[in-house]
Protein backbone atom coordinates (compact mmCIF):
# COMPACT_ATOMS: atom_id res chain seq x y z
CA MET A 1 73.20 0.89 75.39
CA ARG A 2 76.46 2.04 73.84
CA VAL A 3 76.28 4.04 70.60
CA VAL A 4 78.91 5.33 68.20
CA PHE A 5 77.42 8.29 66.32
CA LEU A 6 78.43 9.28 62.77
CA GLY A 7 77.21 12.63 61.45
CA THR A 8 78.43 15.89 59.97
CA PRO A 9 75.97 18.78 59.23
CA ALA A 10 73.23 20.48 61.21
CA PHE A 11 70.64 17.86 60.21
CA ALA A 12 72.32 15.43 62.62
CA LEU A 13 72.26 17.71 65.67
CA PRO A 14 68.79 16.84 67.08
CA ALA A 15 69.60 13.13 66.91
CA LEU A 16 72.93 13.60 68.67
CA ARG A 17 71.25 15.65 71.41
CA ARG A 18 68.61 12.97 72.02
CA LEU A 19 71.11 10.12 72.17
CA HIS A 20 73.39 12.11 74.45
CA ALA A 21 70.45 12.80 76.81
CA ARG A 22 70.15 9.03 77.23
CA GLY A 23 73.84 8.78 78.11
CA ALA A 24 74.31 6.43 75.18
CA VAL A 25 76.97 8.11 73.02
CA GLU A 26 80.49 6.73 73.48
CA LEU A 27 82.14 8.33 70.44
CA VAL A 28 81.23 10.89 67.76
CA VAL A 29 82.70 10.50 64.27
CA SER A 30 82.49 13.27 61.66
CA GLN A 31 84.12 14.51 58.50
CA PRO A 32 87.42 16.44 58.71
CA ASP A 33 87.38 20.24 58.87
CA ARG A 34 87.17 21.64 55.32
CA PRO A 35 87.71 25.04 53.68
CA ALA A 36 84.53 27.08 53.36
CA GLY A 37 83.44 30.61 52.53
CA ARG A 38 85.12 33.20 50.38
CA ARG A 39 88.35 33.13 52.36
CA GLY A 40 88.60 29.35 52.33
CA ARG A 41 89.10 29.04 56.06
CA ASP A 42 88.68 25.60 57.60
CA ARG A 43 85.21 25.05 59.02
CA THR A 44 84.50 22.54 61.77
CA PRO A 45 81.42 20.35 61.20
CA GLU A 46 78.41 21.31 63.29
CA VAL A 47 78.34 17.82 64.81
CA ILE A 48 81.88 18.19 66.14
CA GLU A 49 81.08 21.59 67.62
CA LEU A 50 78.07 20.16 69.47
CA ALA A 51 79.96 17.05 70.59
CA ARG A 52 82.68 19.22 72.11
CA GLU A 53 80.06 21.31 73.93
CA LEU A 54 78.60 18.09 75.34
CA GLY A 55 82.01 16.78 76.37
CA LEU A 56 81.89 13.77 74.06
CA PRO A 57 85.00 12.15 72.56
CA THR A 58 85.35 12.82 68.84
CA MET A 59 87.32 11.75 65.78
CA GLN A 60 87.42 13.13 62.23
CA PRO A 61 89.07 10.51 60.02
CA ALA A 62 89.70 11.07 56.34
CA ASN A 63 88.46 7.51 55.84
CA PRO A 64 86.25 5.86 58.50
CA ASN A 65 86.85 2.45 56.90
CA ASP A 66 90.61 2.33 57.41
CA ALA A 67 92.23 0.16 60.06
CA SER A 68 93.01 2.91 62.58
CA SER A 69 89.45 4.28 62.43
CA LEU A 70 87.96 0.83 62.88
CA GLU A 71 90.21 0.20 65.86
CA ARG A 72 89.06 3.39 67.57
CA ILE A 73 85.39 2.65 66.89
CA ARG A 74 85.75 -0.94 68.05
CA ALA A 75 87.38 0.26 71.27
CA ALA A 76 84.17 2.14 72.09
CA ARG A 77 82.39 -1.28 72.20
CA PRO A 78 79.20 -0.05 70.51
CA ASP A 79 76.01 -2.08 70.59
CA VAL A 80 74.96 -0.16 67.48
CA VAL A 81 76.37 2.51 65.17
CA ALA A 82 73.96 5.37 64.34
CA VAL A 83 74.52 7.36 61.13
CA VAL A 84 72.77 10.66 60.41
CA ALA A 85 73.96 12.62 57.36
CA TYR A 86 77.57 11.51 57.71
CA GLY A 87 78.41 11.79 54.02
CA ARG A 88 80.53 8.69 53.35
CA LEU A 89 79.73 5.15 52.23
CA LEU A 90 80.72 2.51 54.76
CA ARG A 91 82.38 -0.81 53.98
CA PRO A 92 81.35 -4.20 55.41
CA SER A 93 84.17 -4.09 57.98
CA LEU A 94 82.41 -1.14 59.66
CA LEU A 95 78.85 -2.16 58.84
CA GLU A 96 79.36 -5.44 60.70
CA LEU A 97 81.39 -4.09 63.61
CA ALA A 98 78.53 -3.62 66.14
CA PRO A 99 76.15 -6.45 67.19
CA ALA A 100 73.09 -4.49 65.99
CA GLY A 101 74.87 -3.24 62.88
CA VAL A 102 74.64 0.31 61.53
CA VAL A 103 71.33 2.20 61.40
CA ASN A 104 70.92 5.21 59.14
CA LEU A 105 68.39 8.04 59.28
CA HIS A 106 67.36 9.33 55.83
CA PRO A 107 65.11 12.38 55.13
CA SER A 108 62.62 10.80 52.74
CA LEU A 109 60.15 7.94 52.64
CA LEU A 110 62.39 5.31 51.10
CA PRO A 111 62.63 3.94 48.47
CA ALA A 112 61.72 7.39 47.10
CA TYR A 113 64.39 10.09 46.93
CA ARG A 114 67.55 8.23 47.78
CA GLY A 115 70.81 10.08 47.37
CA ALA A 116 72.13 13.60 47.81
CA SER A 117 69.15 15.99 47.79
CA PRO A 118 65.98 14.26 49.04
CA ILE A 119 64.58 17.29 50.88
CA GLN A 120 65.06 19.66 47.95
CA ALA A 121 63.67 17.12 45.49
CA ALA A 122 60.47 16.62 47.47
CA VAL A 123 59.85 20.38 47.55
CA TYR A 124 60.86 20.83 43.90
CA ASP A 125 58.34 18.17 42.87
CA GLY A 126 55.57 19.98 44.73
CA LEU A 127 54.83 17.14 47.15
CA THR A 128 52.52 17.75 50.10
CA ARG A 129 54.05 14.95 52.19
CA THR A 130 57.47 13.43 52.69
CA GLY A 131 59.04 11.84 55.76
CA VAL A 132 61.99 10.20 57.47
CA THR A 133 63.16 6.61 57.29
CA LEU A 134 65.27 4.58 59.69
CA MET A 135 67.02 1.74 57.89
CA ARG A 136 69.76 -0.80 58.47
CA MET A 137 72.67 0.45 56.41
CA ASP A 138 74.29 -1.70 53.73
CA VAL A 139 77.01 -1.03 51.16
CA GLY A 140 74.61 0.67 48.71
CA LEU A 141 73.38 4.26 48.55
CA ASP A 142 70.32 4.33 50.84
CA THR A 143 69.40 0.80 49.76
CA GLY A 144 69.23 -0.95 53.15
CA PRO A 145 66.11 -2.59 54.61
CA VAL A 146 63.65 -0.27 56.37
CA ILE A 147 63.24 -0.46 60.14
CA ALA A 148 60.64 2.31 60.53
CA ALA A 149 59.36 5.42 58.76
CA ARG A 150 57.26 8.45 59.64
CA GLU A 151 55.38 10.87 57.38
CA VAL A 152 55.81 14.64 57.60
CA ALA A 153 53.53 17.17 55.87
CA ILE A 154 55.03 19.86 53.61
CA GLY A 155 53.48 23.33 53.85
CA ALA A 156 52.28 25.00 50.65
CA GLY A 157 54.85 27.79 50.96
CA GLU A 158 57.46 25.95 53.01
CA THR A 159 61.07 26.24 51.90
CA ALA A 160 63.64 23.45 51.95
CA PRO A 161 65.49 24.90 54.99
CA GLU A 162 62.25 25.06 56.98
CA LEU A 163 61.37 21.49 56.04
CA HIS A 164 64.97 20.41 56.76
CA ASP A 165 64.65 21.51 60.39
CA ARG A 166 61.32 19.76 60.93
CA LEU A 167 62.58 16.55 59.33
CA ALA A 168 65.70 16.64 61.50
CA GLU A 169 63.53 16.78 64.62
CA ALA A 170 61.13 14.11 63.36
CA GLY A 171 64.03 11.84 62.43
CA ALA A 172 65.71 12.29 65.81
CA LYS A 173 62.49 11.35 67.57
CA LEU A 174 62.04 8.29 65.36
CA LEU A 175 65.60 7.13 66.01
CA ASP A 176 65.23 7.66 69.75
CA GLU A 177 61.93 5.76 69.88
CA MET A 178 63.04 2.79 67.79
CA LEU A 179 66.64 2.23 68.84
CA ASP A 180 66.00 0.19 72.01
CA SER A 181 63.66 -2.21 70.21
CA TRP A 182 66.05 -2.55 67.30
CA VAL A 183 69.05 -3.36 69.46
CA ALA A 184 66.97 -5.82 71.52
CA GLY A 185 65.91 -7.65 68.35
CA ARG A 186 62.22 -6.79 68.65
CA LEU A 187 62.03 -5.10 65.22
CA ALA A 188 62.47 -6.68 61.80
CA ALA A 189 63.73 -4.61 58.87
CA GLN A 190 61.80 -4.92 55.61
CA PRO A 191 63.51 -4.87 52.17
CA GLN A 192 62.85 -1.82 50.01
CA ASP A 193 60.80 -2.06 46.82
CA PHE A 194 63.61 -1.62 44.31
CA GLU A 195 61.19 -1.33 41.37
CA SER A 196 59.79 1.97 42.68
CA ALA A 197 63.07 3.41 43.97
CA THR A 198 64.25 6.84 42.84
CA VAL A 199 67.57 8.59 43.39
CA THR A 200 68.43 12.31 43.55
CA ARG A 201 71.57 13.99 42.28
CA PRO A 202 73.59 16.73 44.00
CA LEU A 203 72.49 20.30 43.34
CA GLU A 204 74.64 22.46 41.06
CA ARG A 205 75.00 26.21 40.66
CA ALA A 206 73.42 26.07 37.18
CA ASP A 207 70.19 24.70 38.70
CA ALA A 208 69.41 28.20 39.99
CA GLU A 209 68.28 29.69 36.68
CA LEU A 210 64.50 29.90 36.28
CA ASP A 211 63.03 28.85 32.95
CA LEU A 212 59.99 31.10 32.50
CA ARG A 213 58.55 28.73 29.94
CA ARG A 214 57.57 26.50 32.86
CA PRO A 215 54.40 27.05 34.93
CA ALA A 216 54.62 29.61 37.71
CA ARG A 217 53.66 27.01 40.32
CA ALA A 218 56.59 24.79 39.29
CA LEU A 219 58.98 27.73 39.41
CA PHE A 220 57.72 28.72 42.85
CA ASP A 221 58.41 25.16 44.00
CA GLN A 222 61.88 25.39 42.45
CA TRP A 223 62.53 28.61 44.35
CA ARG A 224 61.35 27.00 47.62
CA ALA A 225 63.53 23.95 47.01
CA PHE A 226 66.74 25.78 46.18
CA GLN A 227 66.93 28.04 49.23
CA PRO A 228 69.50 29.05 50.37
CA TRP A 229 71.69 27.42 47.69
CA PRO A 230 71.88 27.52 44.73
CA GLY A 231 69.04 30.02 44.97
CA ALA A 232 66.99 31.17 41.99
CA PHE A 233 67.52 33.89 39.41
CA VAL A 234 66.11 35.14 36.11
CA ARG A 235 68.24 36.44 33.27
CA VAL A 236 67.18 39.94 32.18
CA ASP A 237 68.92 41.96 29.48
CA GLY A 238 72.14 40.05 30.04
CA ARG A 239 72.02 40.41 33.84
CA ARG A 240 71.10 38.07 36.63
CA VAL A 241 68.28 39.15 38.91
CA VAL A 242 68.02 36.94 41.98
CA ALA A 243 64.57 36.09 43.30
CA ALA A 244 65.32 36.77 46.96
CA ALA A 245 61.71 36.31 48.16
CA MET A 246 58.38 35.31 46.62
CA ASP A 247 54.72 35.11 47.50
CA GLN A 248 52.42 32.38 46.24
CA PRO A 249 52.18 32.62 42.43
CA SER A 250 49.21 34.07 40.61
CA ALA A 251 46.99 31.81 38.51
CA GLN A 252 46.20 34.70 36.16
CA ASP A 253 47.97 34.19 32.85
CA THR A 254 50.48 36.91 31.96
CA PRO A 255 52.52 37.02 28.75
CA GLU A 256 55.72 35.04 29.26
CA GLY A 257 58.63 37.24 30.29
CA CYS A 258 56.51 40.37 30.82
CA THR A 259 56.57 42.15 34.18
CA SER A 260 54.45 44.65 36.07
CA LEU A 261 54.47 46.06 39.60
CA ASP A 262 51.44 44.80 41.52
CA GLY A 263 51.40 46.39 44.97
CA ASP A 264 54.35 45.04 46.94
CA SER A 265 55.28 42.38 44.38
CA LEU A 266 56.65 42.23 40.86
CA SER A 267 54.52 40.03 38.62
CA VAL A 268 56.53 37.99 36.10
CA GLY A 269 54.72 36.08 33.35
CA CYS A 270 55.48 32.38 32.92
CA GLY A 271 54.32 29.49 30.73
CA SER A 272 51.15 29.61 32.78
CA GLY A 273 50.36 31.94 35.64
CA ALA A 274 52.79 34.49 37.02
CA LEU A 275 55.45 34.65 39.71
CA ARG A 276 55.10 37.29 42.42
CA LEU A 277 58.55 38.47 43.49
CA THR A 278 58.59 40.52 46.68
CA ARG A 279 62.36 41.00 47.00
CA LEU A 280 64.88 41.09 44.17
CA GLN A 281 68.64 41.33 44.02
CA PRO A 282 70.20 42.76 40.85
CA GLU A 283 73.58 41.32 39.96
CA GLY A 284 76.27 42.93 42.12
CA ARG A 285 73.77 44.77 44.33
CA LYS A 286 71.94 44.20 47.61
CA ALA A 287 68.46 42.73 47.77
CA MET A 288 65.59 45.24 47.71
CA SER A 289 61.82 45.34 47.77
CA ALA A 290 59.87 45.01 44.54
CA PRO A 291 58.80 48.71 44.57
CA ALA A 292 62.41 49.80 45.15
CA PHE A 293 63.54 47.58 42.27
CA ALA A 294 60.87 49.03 39.98
CA ASN A 295 62.02 52.56 40.85
CA GLY A 296 65.72 51.88 40.45
CA TYR A 297 65.66 49.51 37.49
CA ALA A 298 62.71 50.70 35.42
CA PRO A 299 64.38 49.82 32.07
CA LEU A 300 64.54 46.16 33.11
CA LEU A 301 60.77 46.10 33.55
CA ARG A 302 60.44 46.83 29.84
CA ALA A 303 62.89 44.05 28.86
CA ALA A 304 61.98 40.44 28.09
CA TRP A 305 62.68 38.40 31.23
CA GLY A 306 64.08 34.90 30.84
CA ASP A 307 65.43 35.56 27.34
CA PRO A 308 67.37 33.61 26.25
CA PRO A 309 65.96 30.65 28.18
CA PRO A 310 68.39 28.47 30.11
CA ALA A 311 69.87 25.30 28.68
CA PRO A 312 68.07 22.10 29.73
CA ARG A 313 69.17 20.69 33.07
CA PRO A 314 69.44 16.99 33.98
CA PRO A 315 66.49 15.77 36.10
CA LEU A 316 66.88 16.22 39.82
CA THR A 317 65.33 12.79 40.41
CA ARG A 318 65.58 9.65 38.27
CA PRO A 319 64.61 5.99 38.61
CA ALA A 320 67.21 4.07 40.59
CA SER A 321 67.26 1.11 38.21
């Protein structure tokens, strides 16, 4: 089998490793290097770094759908094109280039959580299960027919980065197991249920602010979902205090916005229950333990946390139709 692989971030690495171990990868396509970090230096995609380590030919076109890109991909004579977190929509000229088409690995159980932030959205919504889906790619955004899917449990305190890594491994295994049968024509893809489809939006920096009017459990899920970016913070006396680490929230009701030191955690009252912050980072300072924060910032413990409350944010997930 000959495969052209399209991928960009770390989520795609386990799949690339598995396909390379089969000797199937003829070409790796990724996004161009882009400025990153405070200094704006160009950063090479993780997929390109791994491909170079493995000795695989690579290309990083600005547009994979243009004529020169298509010519290079066609020259690799792929039986199938495999896409894992590539980050660009593909046009019919590329979608129809290989005999078995283009298959795409998506980190949710489609048709739920299409779009930009499916892993974060599943954690944010407090789900106990999500999964990975292998689909035949079409011109829409995660709208193609489903080839196979596999469920993955979400731990009660699991963060989005932890779940990301497990989904990447589960997805790579699913792709590896199903690809031969798909290319041989032994699998039939099933259309998605468009009536129940949902789509997620990209995360934004403003999503990080915690609204203490919400239940503590929901805020804990928000904190888990938004690690490492955009993170989570509470506004206190005009400052931002980042919630660097949390324990499971307390079910005991505490007045909203009131705080108290409870052992190794700072209890923060919410709409119901209380958050338990174990590490905090005052604006412009390094992160510190809850007892160290209480010692160094005692006046903030007497202030009203979360006042004023943040402006309403657009939903992270909405119906697709």
